[in-house]
């Protein structure tokens, strides 16, 4: 499975002729590439190229006489096979800005509704325009309401747009957008679990904490977040039970117990304690969540927060154990 889009870096001189011979001609022969005029200017001493393929792929190339950067959701020409890859924050700003503008224009041409959500579009651009995942990731928001039940695409996309525009995860864009994956088909369970981490990050941010994702611990595992403020430094692990109709569990209460037990018997058990478990029931419909909220089942780990978020921003929850986080500004507790 291809990864989210990254840049390839060539520390060589590239002339116009070399671009035609070593990039355009091989791509034209293999997949019907054509060179088109880029839509945007890059400025300074950079020259830019845009290549479009018959199958809908697109590639971009920027050069300045001393070095060059390539990005594409298509096959890589053999002349660039041995080049190093770099993330979006690791290349010159002019190159990043130009590339984003070109790819966003293509994204909005293919999915115009996303233009109403510029932060979603920017944040998930590495997967929205990826080689294998561009159709599936957009469809997950467009047709599956980003994993929320009984909700439309616009209200659910707005929920994540409002959070991402805070910039709380900008520094971690590559790793967090990559969690959505670049599979060619929609895996609603896996993708919903990925978006559960964004819901958890929104809850923590609204409660006043800074969040840092993918915290490595001494067991060799990574926990989902570190929540930090002037007085607090707490690790948080997130799990998202499947809705009861999608699993073998007898009902919503059993679904919560079983999913939490899997997490606590595995990753959290090896960590040895000290982390807060977030059990995200945002995939549950009203009746299923009402059953969980009413019974408030144990989840085999303390401290824990079991909650459900809705696209209007309202979050209901109950706690187990002494949770070392002040979450009342973000959550309505039923306990």
C-alpha atoms as a PDB file:
ATOM      1  CA  UNK A   1       0.000   0.000   0.000  1.00  0.00           C
ATOM      2  CA  UNK A   2       1.416   3.383  -1.008  1.00  0.00           C
ATOM      3  CA  UNK A   3       2.172   5.911   1.707  1.00  0.00           C
ATOM      4  CA  UNK A   4       0.900   9.497   1.925  1.00  0.00           C
ATOM      5  CA  UNK A   5       2.470  11.834  -0.603  1.00  0.00           C
ATOM      6  CA  UNK A   6       6.041  12.935   0.050  1.00  0.00           C
ATOM      7  CA  UNK A   7       8.666  14.765  -1.971  1.00  0.00           C
ATOM      8  CA  UNK A   8      11.591  13.187  -3.774  1.00  0.00           C
ATOM      9  CA  UNK A   9      14.746  15.291  -3.710  1.00  0.00           C
ATOM     10  CA  UNK A  10      17.366  15.394  -6.457  1.00  0.00           C
ATOM     11  CA  UNK A  11      20.573  17.350  -5.669  1.00  0.00           C
ATOM     12  CA  UNK A  12      21.363  17.649  -9.400  1.00  0.00           C
ATOM     13  CA  UNK A  13      21.129  20.208 -12.167  1.00  0.00           C
ATOM     14  CA  UNK A  14      18.036  19.642 -14.299  1.00  0.00           C
ATOM     15  CA  UNK A  15      17.744  21.378 -17.665  1.00  0.00           C
ATOM     16  CA  UNK A  16      14.576  21.669 -19.700  1.00  0.00           C
ATOM     17  CA  UNK A  17      15.945  19.045 -22.078  1.00  0.00           C
ATOM     18  CA  UNK A  18      16.737  16.622 -19.271  1.00  0.00           C
ATOM     19  CA  UNK A  19      13.209  17.008 -17.882  1.00  0.00           C
ATOM     20  CA  UNK A  20      11.764  16.135 -21.284  1.00  0.00           C
ATOM     21  CA  UNK A  21      14.073  13.173 -21.845  1.00  0.00           C
ATOM     22  CA  UNK A  22      14.166  11.601 -18.380  1.00  0.00           C
ATOM     23  CA  UNK A  23      10.719  12.448 -17.001  1.00  0.00           C
ATOM     24  CA  UNK A  24       8.176  13.345 -19.666  1.00  0.00           C
ATOM     25  CA  UNK A  25       9.156  10.853 -22.359  1.00  0.00           C
ATOM     26  CA  UNK A  26       9.215   7.747 -20.089  1.00  0.00           C
ATOM     27  CA  UNK A  27       5.894   8.724 -18.508  1.00  0.00           C
ATOM     28  CA  UNK A  28       4.386   9.421 -21.920  1.00  0.00           C
ATOM     29  CA  UNK A  29       5.453   6.005 -23.181  1.00  0.00           C
ATOM     30  CA  UNK A  30       4.257   4.137 -20.093  1.00  0.00           C
ATOM     31  CA  UNK A  31       1.033   5.882 -19.035  1.00  0.00           C
ATOM     32  CA  UNK A  32       0.231   8.584 -21.542  1.00  0.00           C
ATOM     33  CA  UNK A  33       1.635  11.613 -19.746  1.00  0.00           C
ATOM     34  CA  UNK A  34       1.419  15.114 -21.143  1.00  0.00           C
ATOM     35  CA  UNK A  35       3.048  18.307 -19.948  1.00  0.00           C
ATOM     36  CA  UNK A  36       0.614  21.092 -19.042  1.00  0.00           C
ATOM     37  CA  UNK A  37       1.174  24.619 -17.837  1.00  0.00           C
ATOM     38  CA  UNK A  38       1.064  24.806 -14.019  1.00  0.00           C
ATOM     39  CA  UNK A  39      -1.832  26.840 -12.660  1.00  0.00           C
ATOM     40  CA  UNK A  40       0.274  28.802 -10.163  1.00  0.00           C
ATOM     41  CA  UNK A  41       3.573  30.670 -10.087  1.00  0.00           C
ATOM     42  CA  UNK A  42       6.301  29.609  -7.685  1.00  0.00           C
ATOM     43  CA  UNK A  43       8.509  32.704  -7.757  1.00  0.00           C
ATOM     44  CA  UNK A  44      12.230  33.272  -7.181  1.00  0.00           C
ATOM     45  CA  UNK A  45      14.529  31.273  -9.451  1.00  0.00           C
ATOM     46  CA  UNK A  46      12.463  28.099  -9.575  1.00  0.00           C
ATOM     47  CA  UNK A  47      11.098  26.534 -12.767  1.00  0.00           C
ATOM     48  CA  UNK A  48       8.040  24.305 -12.493  1.00  0.00           C
ATOM     49  CA  UNK A  49       6.437  21.486 -14.474  1.00  0.00           C
ATOM     50  CA  UNK A  50       3.105  19.722 -14.237  1.00  0.00           C
ATOM     51  CA  UNK A  51       2.419  16.333 -15.823  1.00  0.00           C
ATOM     52  CA  UNK A  52      -1.046  14.828 -16.196  1.00  0.00           C
ATOM     53  CA  UNK A  53      -1.684  11.182 -17.074  1.00  0.00           C
ATOM     54  CA  UNK A  54      -4.504   9.580 -19.016  1.00  0.00           C
ATOM     55  CA  UNK A  55      -5.562   7.648 -15.902  1.00  0.00           C
ATOM     56  CA  UNK A  56      -6.019  10.826 -13.811  1.00  0.00           C
ATOM     57  CA  UNK A  57      -2.633  10.750 -12.069  1.00  0.00           C
ATOM     58  CA  UNK A  58      -0.734  13.999 -11.669  1.00  0.00           C
ATOM     59  CA  UNK A  59       2.928  14.803 -10.973  1.00  0.00           C
ATOM     60  CA  UNK A  60       4.775  18.015 -10.161  1.00  0.00           C
ATOM     61  CA  UNK A  61       8.426  18.933 -10.588  1.00  0.00           C
ATOM     62  CA  UNK A  62      10.274  22.049  -9.402  1.00  0.00           C
ATOM     63  CA  UNK A  63      13.927  22.854 -10.205  1.00  0.00           C
ATOM     64  CA  UNK A  64      16.250  25.795  -9.686  1.00  0.00           C
ATOM     65  CA  UNK A  65      19.457  24.796 -11.504  1.00  0.00           C
ATOM     66  CA  UNK A  66      21.049  23.252  -8.420  1.00  0.00           C
ATOM     67  CA  UNK A  67      18.384  20.929  -7.039  1.00  0.00           C
ATOM     68  CA  UNK A  68      14.902  19.649  -7.797  1.00  0.00           C
ATOM     69  CA  UNK A  69      11.827  18.241  -6.066  1.00  0.00           C
ATOM     70  CA  UNK A  70       9.322  15.726  -7.447  1.00  0.00           C
ATOM     71  CA  UNK A  71       5.909  14.792  -6.126  1.00  0.00           C
ATOM     72  CA  UNK A  72       3.302  12.642  -7.799  1.00  0.00           C
ATOM     73  CA  UNK A  73       0.547  10.093  -7.260  1.00  0.00           C
ATOM     74  CA  UNK A  74       1.803   8.160 -10.250  1.00  0.00           C
ATOM     75  CA  UNK A  75       4.773   5.982 -11.136  1.00  0.00           C
ATOM     76  CA  UNK A  76       8.156   7.502 -10.423  1.00  0.00           C
ATOM     77  CA  UNK A  77      10.495   7.844 -13.429  1.00  0.00           C
ATOM     78  CA  UNK A  78      13.564   5.619 -13.128  1.00  0.00           C
ATOM     79  CA  UNK A  79      15.805   8.710 -13.129  1.00  0.00           C
ATOM     80  CA  UNK A  80      14.396   9.531  -9.678  1.00  0.00           C
ATOM     81  CA  UNK A  81      14.278   6.052  -8.161  1.00  0.00           C
ATOM     82  CA  UNK A  82      17.351   6.470  -5.954  1.00  0.00           C
ATOM     83  CA  UNK A  83      16.428   9.895  -4.640  1.00  0.00           C
ATOM     84  CA  UNK A  84      15.692  10.537  -0.957  1.00  0.00           C
ATOM     85  CA  UNK A  85      12.171  11.272   0.271  1.00  0.00           C
ATOM     86  CA  UNK A  86      11.218  14.233   2.444  1.00  0.00           C
ATOM     87  CA  UNK A  87       8.109  15.378   4.281  1.00  0.00           C
ATOM     88  CA  UNK A  88       6.126  18.532   3.626  1.00  0.00           C
ATOM     89  CA  UNK A  89       7.851  20.479   6.403  1.00  0.00           C
ATOM     90  CA  UNK A  90      11.347  19.498   5.224  1.00  0.00           C
ATOM     91  CA  UNK A  91      11.470  21.196   1.818  1.00  0.00           C
ATOM     92  CA  UNK A  92      11.694  24.889   0.834  1.00  0.00           C
ATOM     93  CA  UNK A  93       8.543  26.821   1.589  1.00  0.00           C
ATOM     94  CA  UNK A  94       8.127  28.006  -1.998  1.00  0.00           C
ATOM     95  CA  UNK A  95       8.115  24.415  -3.227  1.00  0.00           C
ATOM     96  CA  UNK A  96       5.647  23.263  -0.571  1.00  0.00           C
ATOM     97  CA  UNK A  97       3.322  26.217  -1.152  1.00  0.00           C
ATOM     98  CA  UNK A  98       3.322  25.792  -4.929  1.00  0.00           C
ATOM     99  CA  UNK A  99       2.757  22.045  -4.694  1.00  0.00           C
ATOM    100  CA  UNK A 100      -0.148  22.472  -2.282  1.00  0.00           C
ATOM    101  CA  UNK A 101      -1.829  25.068  -4.483  1.00  0.00           C
ATOM    102  CA  UNK A 102      -1.534  22.860  -7.551  1.00  0.00           C
ATOM    103  CA  UNK A 103      -2.851  19.747  -5.783  1.00  0.00           C
ATOM    104  CA  UNK A 104      -5.665  21.605  -4.010  1.00  0.00           C
ATOM    105  CA  UNK A 105      -6.846  22.981  -7.363  1.00  0.00           C
ATOM    106  CA  UNK A 106      -7.040  19.418  -8.676  1.00  0.00           C
ATOM    107  CA  UNK A 107      -8.766  18.203  -5.526  1.00  0.00           C
ATOM    108  CA  UNK A 108     -11.446  20.910  -5.763  1.00  0.00           C
ATOM    109  CA  UNK A 109     -11.953  20.191  -9.450  1.00  0.00           C
ATOM    110  CA  UNK A 110     -12.608  16.530  -8.701  1.00  0.00           C
ATOM    111  CA  UNK A 111     -14.509  17.017  -5.393  1.00  0.00           C
ATOM    112  CA  UNK A 112     -15.833  20.605  -5.416  1.00  0.00           C
ATOM    113  CA  UNK A 113     -17.677  20.239  -2.092  1.00  0.00           C
ATOM    114  CA  UNK A 114     -14.354  20.015  -0.237  1.00  0.00           C
ATOM    115  CA  UNK A 115     -13.600  23.642  -1.126  1.00  0.00           C
ATOM    116  CA  UNK A 116     -15.899  24.635   1.759  1.00  0.00           C
ATOM    117  CA  UNK A 117     -13.471  22.923   4.154  1.00  0.00           C
ATOM    118  CA  UNK A 118      -9.999  24.367   3.516  1.00  0.00           C
ATOM    119  CA  UNK A 119      -8.397  23.017   6.696  1.00  0.00           C
ATOM    120  CA  UNK A 120      -9.650  19.468   6.097  1.00  0.00           C
ATOM    121  CA  UNK A 121      -8.477  19.732   2.491  1.00  0.00           C
ATOM    122  CA  UNK A 122      -5.020  20.967   3.460  1.00  0.00           C
ATOM    123  CA  UNK A 123      -4.500  18.600   6.389  1.00  0.00           C
ATOM    124  CA  UNK A 124      -5.519  15.441   4.525  1.00  0.00           C
ATOM    125  CA  UNK A 125      -4.054  16.469   1.166  1.00  0.00           C
ATOM    126  CA  UNK A 126      -1.249  13.853   1.418  1.00  0.00           C
ATOM    127  CA  UNK A 127      -3.901  11.100   1.430  1.00  0.00           C
ATOM    128  CA  UNK A 128      -6.695  12.859  -0.502  1.00  0.00           C
ATOM    129  CA  UNK A 129      -4.272  13.025  -3.449  1.00  0.00           C
ATOM    130  CA  UNK A 130      -2.293   9.824  -2.776  1.00  0.00           C
ATOM    131  CA  UNK A 131      -1.674   7.181  -5.409  1.00  0.00           C
ATOM    132  CA  UNK A 132      -3.959   4.449  -4.048  1.00  0.00           C
ATOM    133  CA  UNK A 133      -6.065   6.186  -1.417  1.00  0.00           C
ATOM    134  CA  UNK A 134      -7.397   9.297  -3.112  1.00  0.00           C
ATOM    135  CA  UNK A 135     -10.800   7.835  -3.951  1.00  0.00           C
ATOM    136  CA  UNK A 136     -11.332   5.936  -0.691  1.00  0.00           C
ATOM    137  CA  UNK A 137     -10.293   8.705   1.701  1.00  0.00           C
ATOM    138  CA  UNK A 138     -12.522  11.295   0.052  1.00  0.00           C
ATOM    139  CA  UNK A 139     -15.407   8.800  -0.126  1.00  0.00           C
ATOM    140  CA  UNK A 140     -15.077   8.161   3.605  1.00  0.00           C
ATOM    141  CA  UNK A 141     -15.929  11.794   4.299  1.00  0.00           C
ATOM    142  CA  UNK A 142     -18.367  12.170   1.407  1.00  0.00           C
ATOM    143  CA  UNK A 143     -20.391   8.956   1.699  1.00  0.00           C
ATOM    144  CA  UNK A 144     -19.696   7.610   5.196  1.00  0.00           C
ATOM    145  CA  UNK A 145     -19.849  10.825   7.267  1.00  0.00           C
ATOM    146  CA  UNK A 146     -16.311  10.212   8.578  1.00  0.00           C
ATOM    147  CA  UNK A 147     -17.616   7.398  10.793  1.00  0.00           C
ATOM    148  CA  UNK A 148     -20.458   9.215  12.564  1.00  0.00           C
ATOM    149  CA  UNK A 149     -23.845   7.438  12.479  1.00  0.00           C
ATOM    150  CA  UNK A 150     -27.103   9.266  11.710  1.00  0.00           C
ATOM    151  CA  UNK A 151     -25.263  12.308  10.340  1.00  0.00           C
ATOM    152  CA  UNK A 152     -24.599  13.984   7.023  1.00  0.00           C
ATOM    153  CA  UNK A 153     -21.268  14.657   5.412  1.00  0.00           C
ATOM    154  CA  UNK A 154     -21.397  18.422   5.848  1.00  0.00           C
ATOM    155  CA  UNK A 155     -22.024  18.457   9.591  1.00  0.00           C
ATOM    156  CA  UNK A 156     -19.397  15.787  10.248  1.00  0.00           C
ATOM    157  CA  UNK A 157     -16.809  17.399   8.005  1.00  0.00           C
ATOM    158  CA  UNK A 158     -17.511  20.722   9.724  1.00  0.00           C
ATOM    159  CA  UNK A 159     -16.847  19.047  13.097  1.00  0.00           C
ATOM    160  CA  UNK A 160     -13.312  18.107  12.053  1.00  0.00           C
ATOM    161  CA  UNK A 161     -12.818  21.372  10.140  1.00  0.00           C
ATOM    162  CA  UNK A 162     -13.514  23.359  13.314  1.00  0.00           C
ATOM    163  CA  UNK A 163     -10.909  21.359  15.191  1.00  0.00           C
ATOM    164  CA  UNK A 164      -8.200  21.377  12.537  1.00  0.00           C
ATOM    165  CA  UNK A 165      -8.470  25.126  12.049  1.00  0.00           C
ATOM    166  CA  UNK A 166      -7.147  25.512  15.615  1.00  0.00           C
ATOM    167  CA  UNK A 167      -3.781  24.282  14.337  1.00  0.00           C
ATOM    168  CA  UNK A 168      -3.417  21.896  17.267  1.00  0.00           C
ATOM    169  CA  UNK A 169      -2.143  19.077  15.022  1.00  0.00           C
ATOM    170  CA  UNK A 170      -0.423  21.074  12.272  1.00  0.00           C
ATOM    171  CA  UNK A 171       3.022  20.005  13.447  1.00  0.00           C
ATOM    172  CA  UNK A 172       1.965  16.360  13.215  1.00  0.00           C
ATOM    173  CA  UNK A 173       0.133  16.583   9.898  1.00  0.00           C
ATOM    174  CA  UNK A 174       2.012  13.806   8.101  1.00  0.00           C
ATOM    175  CA  UNK A 175       1.693  11.139  10.787  1.00  0.00           C
ATOM    176  CA  UNK A 176      -1.906  12.019  11.672  1.00  0.00           C
ATOM    177  CA  UNK A 177      -3.230  12.308   8.107  1.00  0.00           C
ATOM    178  CA  UNK A 178      -1.507   9.045   7.325  1.00  0.00           C
ATOM    179  CA  UNK A 179      -3.624   7.278   9.926  1.00  0.00           C
ATOM    180  CA  UNK A 180      -6.560   7.534   7.524  1.00  0.00           C
ATOM    181  CA  UNK A 181      -4.567   5.288   5.227  1.00  0.00           C
ATOM    182  CA  UNK A 182      -4.023   5.047   1.497  1.00  0.00           C
ATOM    183  CA  UNK A 183      -5.971   1.886   0.769  1.00  0.00           C
ATOM    184  CA  UNK A 184      -7.890   1.717  -2.508  1.00  0.00           C
ATOM    185  CA  UNK A 185     -11.108   0.713  -0.723  1.00  0.00           C
ATOM    186  CA  UNK A 186     -13.088   2.203   2.166  1.00  0.00           C
ATOM    187  CA  UNK A 187     -12.483   0.285   5.377  1.00  0.00           C
ATOM    188  CA  UNK A 188     -15.048   2.071   7.506  1.00  0.00           C
ATOM    189  CA  UNK A 189     -14.073   0.336  10.761  1.00  0.00           C
ATOM    190  CA  UNK A 190     -10.375   1.114  10.456  1.00  0.00           C
ATOM    191  CA  UNK A 191     -10.937   4.645   9.147  1.00  0.00           C
ATOM    192  CA  UNK A 192     -13.476   5.386  11.899  1.00  0.00           C
ATOM    193  CA  UNK A 193     -10.940   4.214  14.468  1.00  0.00           C
ATOM    194  CA  UNK A 194      -8.408   6.608  12.955  1.00  0.00           C
ATOM    195  CA  UNK A 195     -10.849   9.504  13.185  1.00  0.00           C
ATOM    196  CA  UNK A 196     -11.476   8.493  16.799  1.00  0.00           C
ATOM    197  CA  UNK A 197      -7.980   9.778  17.512  1.00  0.00           C
ATOM    198  CA  UNK A 198      -8.951  13.150  16.048  1.00  0.00           C
ATOM    199  CA  UNK A 199     -12.042  13.213  18.268  1.00  0.00           C
ATOM    200  CA  UNK A 200      -9.861  12.464  21.291  1.00  0.00           C
ATOM    201  CA  UNK A 201      -7.443  15.216  20.272  1.00  0.00           C
ATOM    202  CA  UNK A 202     -10.347  17.671  19.940  1.00  0.00           C
ATOM    203  CA  UNK A 203     -11.648  16.733  23.401  1.00  0.00           C
ATOM    204  CA  UNK A 204      -8.226  17.225  24.964  1.00  0.00           C
ATOM    205  CA  UNK A 205      -7.648  20.508  23.128  1.00  0.00           C
ATOM    206  CA  UNK A 206     -11.032  21.907  24.144  1.00  0.00           C
ATOM    207  CA  UNK A 207     -10.227  20.922  27.724  1.00  0.00           C
ATOM    208  CA  UNK A 208      -7.151  23.137  27.553  1.00  0.00           C
ATOM    209  CA  UNK A 209      -4.367  20.641  26.874  1.00  0.00           C
ATOM    210  CA  UNK A 210      -1.682  20.569  24.234  1.00  0.00           C
ATOM    211  CA  UNK A 211      -1.552  17.229  22.474  1.00  0.00           C
ATOM    212  CA  UNK A 212       1.428  15.321  21.141  1.00  0.00           C
ATOM    213  CA  UNK A 213       0.665  12.127  19.186  1.00  0.00           C
ATOM    214  CA  UNK A 214       2.524   8.816  18.954  1.00  0.00           C
ATOM    215  CA  UNK A 215       4.387   8.789  22.244  1.00  0.00           C
ATOM    216  CA  UNK A 216       6.967   6.009  22.401  1.00  0.00           C
ATOM    217  CA  UNK A 217       7.173   4.212  25.731  1.00  0.00           C
ATOM    218  CA  UNK A 218       9.807   1.890  27.200  1.00  0.00           C
ATOM    219  CA  UNK A 219       7.984  -1.275  26.104  1.00  0.00           C
ATOM    220  CA  UNK A 220       8.593  -0.402  22.449  1.00  0.00           C
ATOM    221  CA  UNK A 221       4.948   0.519  21.917  1.00  0.00           C
ATOM    222  CA  UNK A 222       3.535   3.919  21.121  1.00  0.00           C
ATOM    223  CA  UNK A 223       0.575   5.404  22.973  1.00  0.00           C
ATOM    224  CA  UNK A 224      -1.746   7.705  21.083  1.00  0.00           C
ATOM    225  CA  UNK A 225      -1.257  11.023  22.880  1.00  0.00           C
ATOM    226  CA  UNK A 226       0.479  12.980  25.563  1.00  0.00           C
ATOM    227  CA  UNK A 227      -1.792  15.664  27.088  1.00  0.00           C
ATOM    228  CA  UNK A 228       0.200  18.549  28.504  1.00  0.00           C
ATOM    229  CA  UNK A 229      -0.388  21.847  30.289  1.00  0.00           C
ATOM    230  CA  UNK A 230       1.561  23.758  32.910  1.00  0.00           C
ATOM    231  CA  UNK A 231       0.683  21.197  35.604  1.00  0.00           C
ATOM    232  CA  UNK A 232      -0.140  18.041  33.672  1.00  0.00           C
ATOM    233  CA  UNK A 233       1.715  15.442  31.628  1.00  0.00           C
ATOM    234  CA  UNK A 234      -0.571  12.477  31.000  1.00  0.00           C
ATOM    235  CA  UNK A 235      -0.486   9.673  28.429  1.00  0.00           C
ATOM    236  CA  UNK A 236      -3.745   8.771  26.691  1.00  0.00           C
ATOM    237  CA  UNK A 237      -4.608   5.656  24.674  1.00  0.00           C
ATOM    238  CA  UNK A 238      -7.740   5.609  22.502  1.00  0.00           C
ATOM    239  CA  UNK A 239      -9.879   2.651  21.509  1.00  0.00           C
ATOM    240  CA  UNK A 240     -13.086   2.710  19.474  1.00  0.00           C
ATOM    241  CA  UNK A 241     -15.607  -0.136  19.826  1.00  0.00           C
ATOM    242  CA  UNK A 242     -17.449  -1.153  16.703  1.00  0.00           C
ATOM    243  CA  UNK A 243     -21.217  -0.622  16.727  1.00  0.00           C
ATOM    244  CA  UNK A 244     -22.936  -3.780  18.003  1.00  0.00           C
ATOM    245  CA  UNK A 245     -24.525  -4.617  14.632  1.00  0.00           C
ATOM    246  CA  UNK A 246     -21.043  -4.827  13.107  1.00  0.00           C
ATOM    247  CA  UNK A 247     -19.571  -7.322  15.561  1.00  0.00           C
ATOM    248  CA  UNK A 248     -20.316 -10.614  17.290  1.00  0.00           C
ATOM    249  CA  UNK A 249     -20.843  -9.050  20.722  1.00  0.00           C
ATOM    250  CA  UNK A 250     -24.366  -9.458  22.078  1.00  0.00           C
ATOM    251  CA  UNK A 251     -24.971  -5.750  22.554  1.00  0.00           C
ATOM    252  CA  UNK A 252     -23.430  -2.339  23.085  1.00  0.00           C
ATOM    253  CA  UNK A 253     -22.365  -2.973  26.687  1.00  0.00           C
ATOM    254  CA  UNK A 254     -20.550  -6.163  25.674  1.00  0.00           C
ATOM    255  CA  UNK A 255     -19.008  -4.329  22.718  1.00  0.00           C
ATOM    256  CA  UNK A 256     -17.500  -1.747  25.045  1.00  0.00           C
ATOM    257  CA  UNK A 257     -16.248  -4.364  27.496  1.00  0.00           C
ATOM    258  CA  UNK A 258     -14.736  -6.610  24.829  1.00  0.00           C
ATOM    259  CA  UNK A 259     -12.967  -3.850  22.921  1.00  0.00           C
ATOM    260  CA  UNK A 260     -11.561  -2.270  26.055  1.00  0.00           C
ATOM    261  CA  UNK A 261     -10.404  -5.660  27.325  1.00  0.00           C
ATOM    262  CA  UNK A 262      -8.476  -6.271  24.101  1.00  0.00           C
ATOM    263  CA  UNK A 263      -6.691  -2.964  24.525  1.00  0.00           C
ATOM    264  CA  UNK A 264      -5.971  -3.372  28.243  1.00  0.00           C
ATOM    265  CA  UNK A 265      -4.776  -6.972  27.918  1.00  0.00           C
ATOM    266  CA  UNK A 266      -2.401  -5.932  25.155  1.00  0.00           C
ATOM    267  CA  UNK A 267      -0.837  -2.533  24.756  1.00  0.00           C
ATOM    268  CA  UNK A 268      -1.769  -1.031  28.123  1.00  0.00           C
ATOM    269  CA  UNK A 269      -0.862  -4.169  30.058  1.00  0.00           C
ATOM    270  CA  UNK A 270       2.620  -4.143  28.523  1.00  0.00           C
ATOM    271  CA  UNK A 271       2.970  -0.444  29.294  1.00  0.00           C
ATOM    272  CA  UNK A 272       2.387  -1.221  32.949  1.00  0.00           C
ATOM    273  CA  UNK A 273      -0.155   1.401  33.867  1.00  0.00           C
ATOM    274  CA  UNK A 274      -0.203   5.139  34.207  1.00  0.00           C
ATOM    275  CA  UNK A 275      -2.084   5.936  31.014  1.00  0.00           C
ATOM    276  CA  UNK A 276      -5.701   7.075  30.724  1.00  0.00           C
ATOM    277  CA  UNK A 277      -7.866   4.914  28.481  1.00  0.00           C
ATOM    278  CA  UNK A 278     -10.300   6.794  26.216  1.00  0.00           C
ATOM    279  CA  UNK A 279     -13.115   4.551  24.967  1.00  0.00           C
ATOM    280  CA  UNK A 280     -14.699   6.364  22.038  1.00  0.00           C
ATOM    281  CA  UNK A 281     -18.276   5.260  21.362  1.00  0.00           C
ATOM    282  CA  UNK A 282     -18.906   7.878  18.672  1.00  0.00           C
ATOM    283  CA  UNK A 283     -19.831   5.136  16.181  1.00  0.00           C
ATOM    284  CA  UNK A 284     -22.802   4.154  18.373  1.00  0.00           C
ATOM    285  CA  UNK A 285     -26.333   5.250  17.526  1.00  0.00           C
ATOM    286  CA  UNK A 286     -28.521   6.809  20.222  1.00  0.00           C
ATOM    287  CA  UNK A 287     -30.085   3.578  21.517  1.00  0.00           C
ATOM    288  CA  UNK A 288     -26.743   1.794  21.798  1.00  0.00           C
ATOM    289  CA  UNK A 289     -25.086   4.695  23.569  1.00  0.00           C
ATOM    290  CA  UNK A 290     -28.049   5.113  25.946  1.00  0.00           C
ATOM    291  CA  UNK A 291     -27.594   1.489  27.026  1.00  0.00           C
ATOM    292  CA  UNK A 292     -23.891   2.019  27.707  1.00  0.00           C
ATOM    293  CA  UNK A 293     -24.443   5.306  29.505  1.00  0.00           C
ATOM    294  CA  UNK A 294     -27.158   3.751  31.646  1.00  0.00           C
ATOM    295  CA  UNK A 295     -25.161   0.705  32.749  1.00  0.00           C
ATOM    296  CA  UNK A 296     -21.697   2.332  32.740  1.00  0.00           C
ATOM    297  CA  UNK A 297     -19.838  -0.984  32.395  1.00  0.00           C
ATOM    298  CA  UNK A 298     -16.309  -1.539  33.633  1.00  0.00           C
ATOM    299  CA  UNK A 299     -13.627  -1.462  30.962  1.00  0.00           C
ATOM    300  CA  UNK A 300     -10.834  -3.472  32.647  1.00  0.00           C
ATOM    301  CA  UNK A 301      -8.681  -0.398  33.126  1.00  0.00           C
ATOM    302  CA  UNK A 302      -8.560   2.588  35.428  1.00  0.00           C
ATOM    303  CA  UNK A 303      -8.462   5.475  34.932  1.00  0.00           C
ATOM    304  CA  UNK A 304     -10.761   5.498  31.911  1.00  0.00           C
ATOM    305  CA  UNK A 305     -13.207   7.807  30.159  1.00  0.00           C
ATOM    306  CA  UNK A 306     -16.013   6.268  28.098  1.00  0.00           C
ATOM    307  CA  UNK A 307     -17.645   8.845  25.838  1.00  0.00           C
ATOM    308  CA  UNK A 308     -19.603   9.563  22.693  1.00  0.00           C
ATOM    309  CA  UNK A 309     -19.142  12.697  20.574  1.00  0.00           C
ATOM    310  CA  UNK A 310     -21.722  14.072  18.178  1.00  0.00           C
ATOM    311  CA  UNK A 311     -21.038  16.278  15.138  1.00  0.00           C
ATOM    312  CA  UNK A 312     -22.576  19.296  16.897  1.00  0.00           C
ATOM    313  CA  UNK A 313     -19.656  19.156  19.339  1.00  0.00           C
ATOM    314  CA  UNK A 314     -21.573  17.738  22.309  1.00  0.00           C
ATOM    315  CA  UNK A 315     -19.769  14.957  24.183  1.00  0.00           C
ATOM    316  CA  UNK A 316     -21.289  12.751  26.898  1.00  0.00           C
ATOM    317  CA  UNK A 317     -19.213  10.453  29.086  1.00  0.00           C
ATOM    318  CA  UNK A 318     -18.704   8.569  32.302  1.00  0.00           C
ATOM    319  CA  UNK A 319     -15.469   7.920  34.182  1.00  0.00           C
ATOM    320  CA  UNK A 320     -13.915   4.928  35.881  1.00  0.00           C
ATOM    321  CA  UNK A 321     -11.247   5.590  38.464  1.00  0.00           C
ATOM    322  CA  UNK A 322      -9.514   8.852  39.247  1.00  0.00           C
ATOM    323  CA  UNK A 323      -8.862  10.522  35.901  1.00  0.00           C
ATOM    324  CA  UNK A 324      -5.895  12.946  36.142  1.00  0.00           C
ATOM    325  CA  UNK A 325      -7.352  15.251  33.496  1.00  0.00           C
ATOM    326  CA  UNK A 326      -9.811  18.101  33.899  1.00  0.00           C
ATOM    327  CA  UNK A 327     -12.226  17.506  31.036  1.00  0.00           C
ATOM    328  CA  UNK A 328     -15.374  19.304  32.172  1.00  0.00           C
ATOM    329  CA  UNK A 329     -14.889  22.116  29.640  1.00  0.00           C
ATOM    330  CA  UNK A 330     -15.147  19.561  26.823  1.00  0.00           C
ATOM    331  CA  UNK A 331     -17.384  16.785  28.183  1.00  0.00           C
ATOM    332  CA  UNK A 332     -20.745  16.460  29.957  1.00  0.00           C
ATOM    333  CA  UNK A 333     -20.275  13.677  32.514  1.00  0.00           C
ATOM    334  CA  UNK A 334     -23.125  11.361  33.447  1.00  0.00           C
ATOM    335  CA  UNK A 335     -21.378   9.975  36.527  1.00  0.00           C
END
